[in-house]
C-alpha atoms as a PDB file:
ATOM      1  CA  UNK A   1      86.265  13.028  63.629  1.00  0.00           C
ATOM      2  CA  UNK A   2      86.158  13.609  67.318  1.00  0.00           C
ATOM      3  CA  UNK A   3      89.938  13.822  67.261  1.00  0.00           C
ATOM      4  CA  UNK A   4      89.891  16.684  64.733  1.00  0.00           C
ATOM      5  CA  UNK A   5      87.252  18.492  66.743  1.00  0.00           C
ATOM      6  CA  UNK A   6      89.290  18.150  69.901  1.00  0.00           C
ATOM      7  CA  UNK A   7      92.303  19.521  68.101  1.00  0.00           C
ATOM      8  CA  UNK A   8      90.338  22.545  66.927  1.00  0.00           C
ATOM      9  CA  UNK A   9      89.100  23.155  70.469  1.00  0.00           C
ATOM     10  CA  UNK A  10      92.655  22.971  71.780  1.00  0.00           C
ATOM     11  CA  UNK A  11      93.875  25.342  69.070  1.00  0.00           C
ATOM     12  CA  UNK A  12      91.092  27.842  69.841  1.00  0.00           C
ATOM     13  CA  UNK A  13      91.786  27.559  73.556  1.00  0.00           C
ATOM     14  CA  UNK A  14      95.461  28.123  73.003  1.00  0.00           C
ATOM     15  CA  UNK A  15      94.748  31.187  70.864  1.00  0.00           C
ATOM     16  CA  UNK A  16      92.447  32.592  73.548  1.00  0.00           C
ATOM     17  CA  UNK A  17      95.107  32.097  76.197  1.00  0.00           C
ATOM     18  CA  UNK A  18      97.620  33.969  74.043  1.00  0.00           C
ATOM     19  CA  UNK A  19      95.142  36.805  73.446  1.00  0.00           C
ATOM     20  CA  UNK A  20      94.351  37.043  77.149  1.00  0.00           C
ATOM     21  CA  UNK A  21      98.052  36.989  78.003  1.00  0.00           C
ATOM     22  CA  UNK A  22      98.682  39.838  75.564  1.00  0.00           C
ATOM     23  CA  UNK A  23      95.772  41.820  77.026  1.00  0.00           C
ATOM     24  CA  UNK A  24      97.058  41.263  80.539  1.00  0.00           C
ATOM     25  CA  UNK A  25     100.550  42.357  79.475  1.00  0.00           C
ATOM     26  CA  UNK A  26      99.142  45.550  77.949  1.00  0.00           C
ATOM     27  CA  UNK A  27      97.083  46.304  81.073  1.00  0.00           C
ATOM     28  CA  UNK A  28     100.068  45.594  83.332  1.00  0.00           C
ATOM     29  CA  UNK A  29     102.297  47.838  81.227  1.00  0.00           C
ATOM     30  CA  UNK A  30      99.778  50.663  81.399  1.00  0.00           C
ATOM     31  CA  UNK A  31      99.406  50.221  85.179  1.00  0.00           C
ATOM     32  CA  UNK A  32     103.168  50.252  85.737  1.00  0.00           C
ATOM     33  CA  UNK A  33     103.528  53.333  83.558  1.00  0.00           C
ATOM     34  CA  UNK A  34     100.735  55.109  85.447  1.00  0.00           C
ATOM     35  CA  UNK A  35     102.168  54.140  88.842  1.00  0.00           C
ATOM     36  CA  UNK A  36     105.666  55.199  87.798  1.00  0.00           C
ATOM     37  CA  UNK A  37     104.383  58.541  86.535  1.00  0.00           C
ATOM     38  CA  UNK A  38     102.391  59.111  89.750  1.00  0.00           C
ATOM     39  CA  UNK A  39     105.452  58.280  91.822  1.00  0.00           C
ATOM     40  CA  UNK A  40     107.593  60.610  89.727  1.00  0.00           C
ATOM     41  CA  UNK A  41     105.008  63.372  90.107  1.00  0.00           C
ATOM     42  CA  UNK A  42     105.003  62.882  93.902  1.00  0.00           C
ATOM     43  CA  UNK A  43     108.810  63.036  93.979  1.00  0.00           C
ATOM     44  CA  UNK A  44     108.807  66.190  91.861  1.00  0.00           C
ATOM     45  CA  UNK A  45     106.191  67.769  94.120  1.00  0.00           C
ATOM     46  CA  UNK A  46     108.237  66.943  97.241  1.00  0.00           C
ATOM     47  CA  UNK A  47     111.392  68.299  95.619  1.00  0.00           C
ATOM     48  CA  UNK A  48     109.638  71.543  94.665  1.00  0.00           C
ATOM     49  CA  UNK A  49     108.245  72.035  98.189  1.00  0.00           C
ATOM     50  CA  UNK A  50     111.621  71.234  99.740  1.00  0.00           C
ATOM     51  CA  UNK A  51     113.456  73.730  97.533  1.00  0.00           C
ATOM     52  CA  UNK A  52     110.847  76.409  98.230  1.00  0.00           C
ATOM     53  CA  UNK A  53     111.181  75.831 101.973  1.00  0.00           C
ATOM     54  CA  UNK A  54     114.982  75.898 102.001  1.00  0.00           C
ATOM     55  CA  UNK A  55     115.256  78.983  99.789  1.00  0.00           C
ATOM     56  CA  UNK A  56     112.368  80.784 101.476  1.00  0.00           C
ATOM     57  CA  UNK A  57     113.567  80.292 105.053  1.00  0.00           C
ATOM     58  CA  UNK A  58     117.300  80.479 104.473  1.00  0.00           C
ATOM     59  CA  UNK A  59     119.902  78.786 106.623  1.00  0.00           C
ATOM     60  CA  UNK A  60     122.299  75.978 105.874  1.00  0.00           C
ATOM     61  CA  UNK A  61     122.061  74.586 102.353  1.00  0.00           C
ATOM     62  CA  UNK A  62     119.999  77.503 101.053  1.00  0.00           C
ATOM     63  CA  UNK A  63     122.761  78.409  98.580  1.00  0.00           C
ATOM     64  CA  UNK A  64     122.306  75.023  96.861  1.00  0.00           C
ATOM     65  CA  UNK A  65     118.711  74.055  97.643  1.00  0.00           C
ATOM     66  CA  UNK A  66     118.285  71.853  94.566  1.00  0.00           C
ATOM     67  CA  UNK A  67     121.310  69.720  95.415  1.00  0.00           C
ATOM     68  CA  UNK A  68     120.434  69.675  99.117  1.00  0.00           C
ATOM     69  CA  UNK A  69     116.866  68.463  98.530  1.00  0.00           C
ATOM     70  CA  UNK A  70     117.989  66.000  95.861  1.00  0.00           C
ATOM     71  CA  UNK A  71     120.467  64.471  98.302  1.00  0.00           C
ATOM     72  CA  UNK A  72     117.771  64.052 100.960  1.00  0.00           C
ATOM     73  CA  UNK A  73     115.296  62.565  98.475  1.00  0.00           C
ATOM     74  CA  UNK A  74     117.762  59.886  97.340  1.00  0.00           C
ATOM     75  CA  UNK A  75     118.974  59.123 100.854  1.00  0.00           C
ATOM     76  CA  UNK A  76     115.393  58.852 102.098  1.00  0.00           C
ATOM     77  CA  UNK A  77     114.716  56.059  99.610  1.00  0.00           C
ATOM     78  CA  UNK A  78     118.029  54.319 100.271  1.00  0.00           C
ATOM     79  CA  UNK A  79     117.824  54.438 104.068  1.00  0.00           C
ATOM     80  CA  UNK A  80     114.027  54.374 104.591  1.00  0.00           C
ATOM     81  CA  UNK A  81     113.752  57.943 105.838  1.00  0.00           C
ATOM     82  CA  UNK A  82     110.578  59.937 106.401  1.00  0.00           C
ATOM     83  CA  UNK A  83     110.243  62.538 103.597  1.00  0.00           C
ATOM     84  CA  UNK A  84     107.331  64.296 105.308  1.00  0.00           C
ATOM     85  CA  UNK A  85     109.411  64.803 108.437  1.00  0.00           C
ATOM     86  CA  UNK A  86     112.357  66.191 106.487  1.00  0.00           C
ATOM     87  CA  UNK A  87     110.029  68.510 104.601  1.00  0.00           C
ATOM     88  CA  UNK A  88     108.712  69.836 107.925  1.00  0.00           C
ATOM     89  CA  UNK A  89     112.267  70.807 108.891  1.00  0.00           C
ATOM     90  CA  UNK A  90     112.923  72.525 105.561  1.00  0.00           C
ATOM     91  CA  UNK A  91     109.608  74.410 105.790  1.00  0.00           C
ATOM     92  CA  UNK A  92     110.332  75.686 109.313  1.00  0.00           C
ATOM     93  CA  UNK A  93     111.462  79.302 109.814  1.00  0.00           C
ATOM     94  CA  UNK A  94     114.964  79.816 111.181  1.00  0.00           C
ATOM     95  CA  UNK A  95     113.811  80.270 114.783  1.00  0.00           C
ATOM     96  CA  UNK A  96     111.938  76.964 114.737  1.00  0.00           C
ATOM     97  CA  UNK A  97     114.236  74.885 112.556  1.00  0.00           C
ATOM     98  CA  UNK A  98     116.290  73.387 115.385  1.00  0.00           C
ATOM     99  CA  UNK A  99     113.173  72.351 117.278  1.00  0.00           C
ATOM    100  CA  UNK A 100     111.767  70.733 114.122  1.00  0.00           C
ATOM    101  CA  UNK A 101     115.083  68.941 113.548  1.00  0.00           C
ATOM    102  CA  UNK A 102     115.201  67.613 117.130  1.00  0.00           C
ATOM    103  CA  UNK A 103     111.710  66.147 116.661  1.00  0.00           C
ATOM    104  CA  UNK A 104     112.899  63.914 113.798  1.00  0.00           C
ATOM    105  CA  UNK A 105     113.839  60.261 113.907  1.00  0.00           C
ATOM    106  CA  UNK A 106     117.486  59.291 114.208  1.00  0.00           C
ATOM    107  CA  UNK A 107     117.503  58.254 110.535  1.00  0.00           C
ATOM    108  CA  UNK A 108     116.128  61.606 109.391  1.00  0.00           C
ATOM    109  CA  UNK A 109     118.654  63.501 111.529  1.00  0.00           C
ATOM    110  CA  UNK A 110     121.516  61.532 109.990  1.00  0.00           C
ATOM    111  CA  UNK A 111     120.229  62.110 106.446  1.00  0.00           C
ATOM    112  CA  UNK A 112     119.731  65.857 106.951  1.00  0.00           C
ATOM    113  CA  UNK A 113     123.106  66.307 108.648  1.00  0.00           C
ATOM    114  CA  UNK A 114     125.010  64.252 106.057  1.00  0.00           C
ATOM    115  CA  UNK A 115     123.385  66.043 103.120  1.00  0.00           C
ATOM    116  CA  UNK A 116     123.939  69.556 104.444  1.00  0.00           C
ATOM    117  CA  UNK A 117     127.583  68.754 105.204  1.00  0.00           C
ATOM    118  CA  UNK A 118     128.044  67.357 101.695  1.00  0.00           C
ATOM    119  CA  UNK A 119     126.411  70.431 100.137  1.00  0.00           C
ATOM    120  CA  UNK A 120     128.651  72.752 102.155  1.00  0.00           C
ATOM    121  CA  UNK A 121     131.733  70.782 101.075  1.00  0.00           C
ATOM    122  CA  UNK A 122     130.818  71.240  97.415  1.00  0.00           C
ATOM    123  CA  UNK A 123     129.060  74.622  97.337  1.00  0.00           C
ATOM    124  CA  UNK A 124     130.379  76.310 100.465  1.00  0.00           C
ATOM    125  CA  UNK A 125     128.496  77.682 103.477  1.00  0.00           C
ATOM    126  CA  UNK A 126     125.379  79.730 102.792  1.00  0.00           C
ATOM    127  CA  UNK A 127     126.009  83.458 103.173  1.00  0.00           C
ATOM    128  CA  UNK A 128     123.403  83.763 105.934  1.00  0.00           C
ATOM    129  CA  UNK A 129     125.398  81.214 107.925  1.00  0.00           C
ATOM    130  CA  UNK A 130     128.648  83.141 107.671  1.00  0.00           C
ATOM    131  CA  UNK A 131     128.240  85.142 110.877  1.00  0.00           C
ATOM    132  CA  UNK A 132     127.071  82.130 112.841  1.00  0.00           C
ATOM    133  CA  UNK A 133     129.979  80.056 111.573  1.00  0.00           C
ATOM    134  CA  UNK A 134     132.579  82.652 112.574  1.00  0.00           C
ATOM    135  CA  UNK A 135     130.830  83.676 115.812  1.00  0.00           C
ATOM    136  CA  UNK A 136     129.322  80.519 117.329  1.00  0.00           C
ATOM    137  CA  UNK A 137     127.350  80.748 120.596  1.00  0.00           C
ATOM    138  CA  UNK A 138     129.608  80.997 123.634  1.00  0.00           C
ATOM    139  CA  UNK A 139     129.349  80.771 127.385  1.00  0.00           C
ATOM    140  CA  UNK A 140     127.001  78.798 129.582  1.00  0.00           C
ATOM    141  CA  UNK A 141     124.170  78.325 127.085  1.00  0.00           C
ATOM    142  CA  UNK A 142     126.614  76.663 124.669  1.00  0.00           C
ATOM    143  CA  UNK A 143     127.976  74.366 127.397  1.00  0.00           C
ATOM    144  CA  UNK A 144     127.310  70.676 126.480  1.00  0.00           C
ATOM    145  CA  UNK A 145     126.190  69.813 130.032  1.00  0.00           C
ATOM    146  CA  UNK A 146     123.645  72.653 130.070  1.00  0.00           C
ATOM    147  CA  UNK A 147     122.342  71.799 126.593  1.00  0.00           C
ATOM    148  CA  UNK A 148     122.001  68.115 127.494  1.00  0.00           C
ATOM    149  CA  UNK A 149     120.129  69.001 130.696  1.00  0.00           C
ATOM    150  CA  UNK A 150     117.725  71.235 128.737  1.00  0.00           C
ATOM    151  CA  UNK A 151     117.017  68.578 126.104  1.00  0.00           C
ATOM    152  CA  UNK A 152     116.412  66.004 128.858  1.00  0.00           C
ATOM    153  CA  UNK A 153     113.466  68.093 130.108  1.00  0.00           C
ATOM    154  CA  UNK A 154     111.691  67.296 126.810  1.00  0.00           C
ATOM    155  CA  UNK A 155     109.888  70.613 126.359  1.00  0.00           C
ATOM    156  CA  UNK A 156     106.790  70.819 124.193  1.00  0.00           C
ATOM    157  CA  UNK A 157     106.680  73.623 121.591  1.00  0.00           C
ATOM    158  CA  UNK A 158     104.749  75.988 123.878  1.00  0.00           C
ATOM    159  CA  UNK A 159     106.948  75.163 126.886  1.00  0.00           C
ATOM    160  CA  UNK A 160     110.079  75.810 124.817  1.00  0.00           C
ATOM    161  CA  UNK A 161     108.869  79.323 123.979  1.00  0.00           C
ATOM    162  CA  UNK A 162     108.251  80.103 127.668  1.00  0.00           C
ATOM    163  CA  UNK A 163     111.665  78.713 128.597  1.00  0.00           C
ATOM    164  CA  UNK A 164     113.542  80.632 125.905  1.00  0.00           C
ATOM    165  CA  UNK A 165     111.893  83.946 126.872  1.00  0.00           C
ATOM    166  CA  UNK A 166     112.445  83.386 130.601  1.00  0.00           C
ATOM    167  CA  UNK A 167     116.052  82.236 130.124  1.00  0.00           C
ATOM    168  CA  UNK A 168     116.834  85.262 127.956  1.00  0.00           C
ATOM    169  CA  UNK A 169     115.389  87.619 130.601  1.00  0.00           C
ATOM    170  CA  UNK A 170     117.361  85.795 133.287  1.00  0.00           C
ATOM    171  CA  UNK A 171     120.631  86.077 131.350  1.00  0.00           C
ATOM    172  CA  UNK A 172     120.213  89.746 130.518  1.00  0.00           C
ATOM    173  CA  UNK A 173     119.187  90.688 134.066  1.00  0.00           C
ATOM    174  CA  UNK A 174     121.987  88.690 135.676  1.00  0.00           C
ATOM    175  CA  UNK A 175     124.589  90.191 133.342  1.00  0.00           C
ATOM    176  CA  UNK A 176     123.464  93.720 134.176  1.00  0.00           C
ATOM    177  CA  UNK A 177     123.240  93.016 137.916  1.00  0.00           C
ATOM    178  CA  UNK A 178     126.654  91.337 138.019  1.00  0.00           C
ATOM    179  CA  UNK A 179     128.292  94.229 136.163  1.00  0.00           C
ATOM    180  CA  UNK A 180     126.746  96.698 138.608  1.00  0.00           C
ATOM    181  CA  UNK A 181     127.868  94.730 141.661  1.00  0.00           C
ATOM    182  CA  UNK A 182     131.413  94.329 140.371  1.00  0.00           C
ATOM    183  CA  UNK A 183     131.713  98.086 140.177  1.00  0.00           C
ATOM    184  CA  UNK A 184     131.232  98.178 143.953  1.00  0.00           C
ATOM    185  CA  UNK A 185     134.109  96.747 146.021  1.00  0.00           C
ATOM    186  CA  UNK A 186     132.108  96.216 149.217  1.00  0.00           C
ATOM    187  CA  UNK A 187     131.098  92.605 149.910  1.00  0.00           C
ATOM    188  CA  UNK A 188     131.120  91.773 146.197  1.00  0.00           C
ATOM    189  CA  UNK A 189     131.159  87.972 146.308  1.00  0.00           C
ATOM    190  CA  UNK A 190     128.192  87.684 148.690  1.00  0.00           C
ATOM    191  CA  UNK A 191     126.122  90.122 146.634  1.00  0.00           C
ATOM    192  CA  UNK A 192     126.900  88.340 143.373  1.00  0.00           C
ATOM    193  CA  UNK A 193     125.855  84.969 144.795  1.00  0.00           C
ATOM    194  CA  UNK A 194     122.673  86.424 146.243  1.00  0.00           C
ATOM    195  CA  UNK A 195     121.768  88.018 142.916  1.00  0.00           C
ATOM    196  CA  UNK A 196     122.463  84.795 141.027  1.00  0.00           C
ATOM    197  CA  UNK A 197     120.175  82.769 143.281  1.00  0.00           C
ATOM    198  CA  UNK A 198     117.428  85.408 143.316  1.00  0.00           C
ATOM    199  CA  UNK A 199     117.288  85.644 139.522  1.00  0.00           C
ATOM    200  CA  UNK A 200     117.598  81.881 139.086  1.00  0.00           C
ATOM    201  CA  UNK A 201     114.633  81.410 141.441  1.00  0.00           C
ATOM    202  CA  UNK A 202     112.665  83.850 139.282  1.00  0.00           C
ATOM    203  CA  UNK A 203     113.592  81.827 136.171  1.00  0.00           C
ATOM    204  CA  UNK A 204     112.530  78.603 137.903  1.00  0.00           C
ATOM    205  CA  UNK A 205     109.146  80.065 138.815  1.00  0.00           C
ATOM    206  CA  UNK A 206     108.460  81.183 135.243  1.00  0.00           C
ATOM    207  CA  UNK A 207     109.369  77.863 133.658  1.00  0.00           C
ATOM    208  CA  UNK A 208     108.036  75.339 136.194  1.00  0.00           C
ATOM    209  CA  UNK A 209     104.508  76.776 135.914  1.00  0.00           C
ATOM    210  CA  UNK A 210     104.250  75.294 132.402  1.00  0.00           C
ATOM    211  CA  UNK A 211     105.932  71.946 133.088  1.00  0.00           C
ATOM    212  CA  UNK A 212     104.315  68.599 133.726  1.00  0.00           C
ATOM    213  CA  UNK A 213     104.941  66.749 136.973  1.00  0.00           C
ATOM    214  CA  UNK A 214     107.267  64.302 135.187  1.00  0.00           C
ATOM    215  CA  UNK A 215     109.454  67.188 133.997  1.00  0.00           C
ATOM    216  CA  UNK A 216     110.045  68.963 137.318  1.00  0.00           C
ATOM    217  CA  UNK A 217     112.891  66.737 138.542  1.00  0.00           C
ATOM    218  CA  UNK A 218     114.700  67.006 135.195  1.00  0.00           C
ATOM    219  CA  UNK A 219     114.270  70.770 135.234  1.00  0.00           C
ATOM    220  CA  UNK A 220     115.717  70.978 138.751  1.00  0.00           C
ATOM    221  CA  UNK A 221     118.707  69.012 137.475  1.00  0.00           C
ATOM    222  CA  UNK A 222     119.168  71.597 134.723  1.00  0.00           C
ATOM    223  CA  UNK A 223     118.772  74.468 137.229  1.00  0.00           C
ATOM    224  CA  UNK A 224     121.482  73.039 139.487  1.00  0.00           C
ATOM    225  CA  UNK A 225     123.874  72.575 136.549  1.00  0.00           C
ATOM    226  CA  UNK A 226     123.170  76.117 135.349  1.00  0.00           C
ATOM    227  CA  UNK A 227     123.960  77.652 138.747  1.00  0.00           C
ATOM    228  CA  UNK A 228     127.144  75.589 138.976  1.00  0.00           C
ATOM    229  CA  UNK A 229     128.319  76.786 135.542  1.00  0.00           C
ATOM    230  CA  UNK A 230     127.453  80.410 136.346  1.00  0.00           C
ATOM    231  CA  UNK A 231     129.471  80.383 139.576  1.00  0.00           C
ATOM    232  CA  UNK A 232     132.375  78.708 137.800  1.00  0.00           C
ATOM    233  CA  UNK A 233     132.326  81.238 134.935  1.00  0.00           C
ATOM    234  CA  UNK A 234     132.173  84.215 137.297  1.00  0.00           C
ATOM    235  CA  UNK A 235     135.195  82.871 139.191  1.00  0.00           C
ATOM    236  CA  UNK A 236     137.086  82.532 135.908  1.00  0.00           C
ATOM    237  CA  UNK A 237     136.084  86.039 134.865  1.00  0.00           C
ATOM    238  CA  UNK A 238     134.548  85.045 131.513  1.00  0.00           C
ATOM    239  CA  UNK A 239     132.986  88.100 129.877  1.00  0.00           C
ATOM    240  CA  UNK A 240     130.607  86.139 127.640  1.00  0.00           C
ATOM    241  CA  UNK A 241     129.293  83.613 130.155  1.00  0.00           C
ATOM    242  CA  UNK A 242     125.694  84.681 129.535  1.00  0.00           C
ATOM    243  CA  UNK A 243     125.729  84.984 125.740  1.00  0.00           C
ATOM    244  CA  UNK A 244     122.030  84.400 124.965  1.00  0.00           C
ATOM    245  CA  UNK A 245     122.579  83.392 121.312  1.00  0.00           C
ATOM    246  CA  UNK A 246     123.187  79.814 122.443  1.00  0.00           C
ATOM    247  CA  UNK A 247     119.882  79.339 124.305  1.00  0.00           C
ATOM    248  CA  UNK A 248     118.200  76.327 122.678  1.00  0.00           C
ATOM    249  CA  UNK A 249     114.458  76.196 122.156  1.00  0.00           C
ATOM    250  CA  UNK A 250     113.994  72.700 123.561  1.00  0.00           C
ATOM    251  CA  UNK A 251     112.661  69.496 122.027  1.00  0.00           C
ATOM    252  CA  UNK A 252     109.199  69.629 120.437  1.00  0.00           C
ATOM    253  CA  UNK A 253     106.711  66.870 119.871  1.00  0.00           C
END
């Protein structure tokens, strides 16, 4: 008698376990479905914001924004990128896009660069990039040594704006002054050198007022390289040595 009762208890217990297992499976399925849908919604939202940023601000990849953003989304998952950081670059206006790019992690930079190159291979260069592609920045501001020295200063966003404005004024003023001096044959070389140093000192004063103490030495290194490249370019007679289109905006953080 007790044996039959024990059997019934075991049967009931077994049935309850199966019922609970089925309930758990249903709950788990619903949770996975909800999580998957939420994740898909987040991905779709990111993709929509990315496309809007690329198309709205123009630049590289803007002629195939859907493919460009899709490439970055997939690569971000595969290589553990930072989607929020990439979105910040895509949402930046043209004048601030390089600064936003420089602020990214190495992984993000590689993903963005690889995807835009792939998009341009398949869809071609965006029309707004045509002029830049055929007429890249020239002269001193495009010189790798000068660019490296500028990036080493590690400008903040506000410092970069001051630098870019001051450097543009310096370039324009020095170009005009040099052209005027070269029209006069008397003591030309001495006057050119004096003008270079006077205007460079003015540039230094504008920029160093916004730098931190740990940036001064690096800035002086840049200033020395800049003067060296200017003197070299003047000797070689380069007509575009102060093309301001290549002035970078610095590294932001």
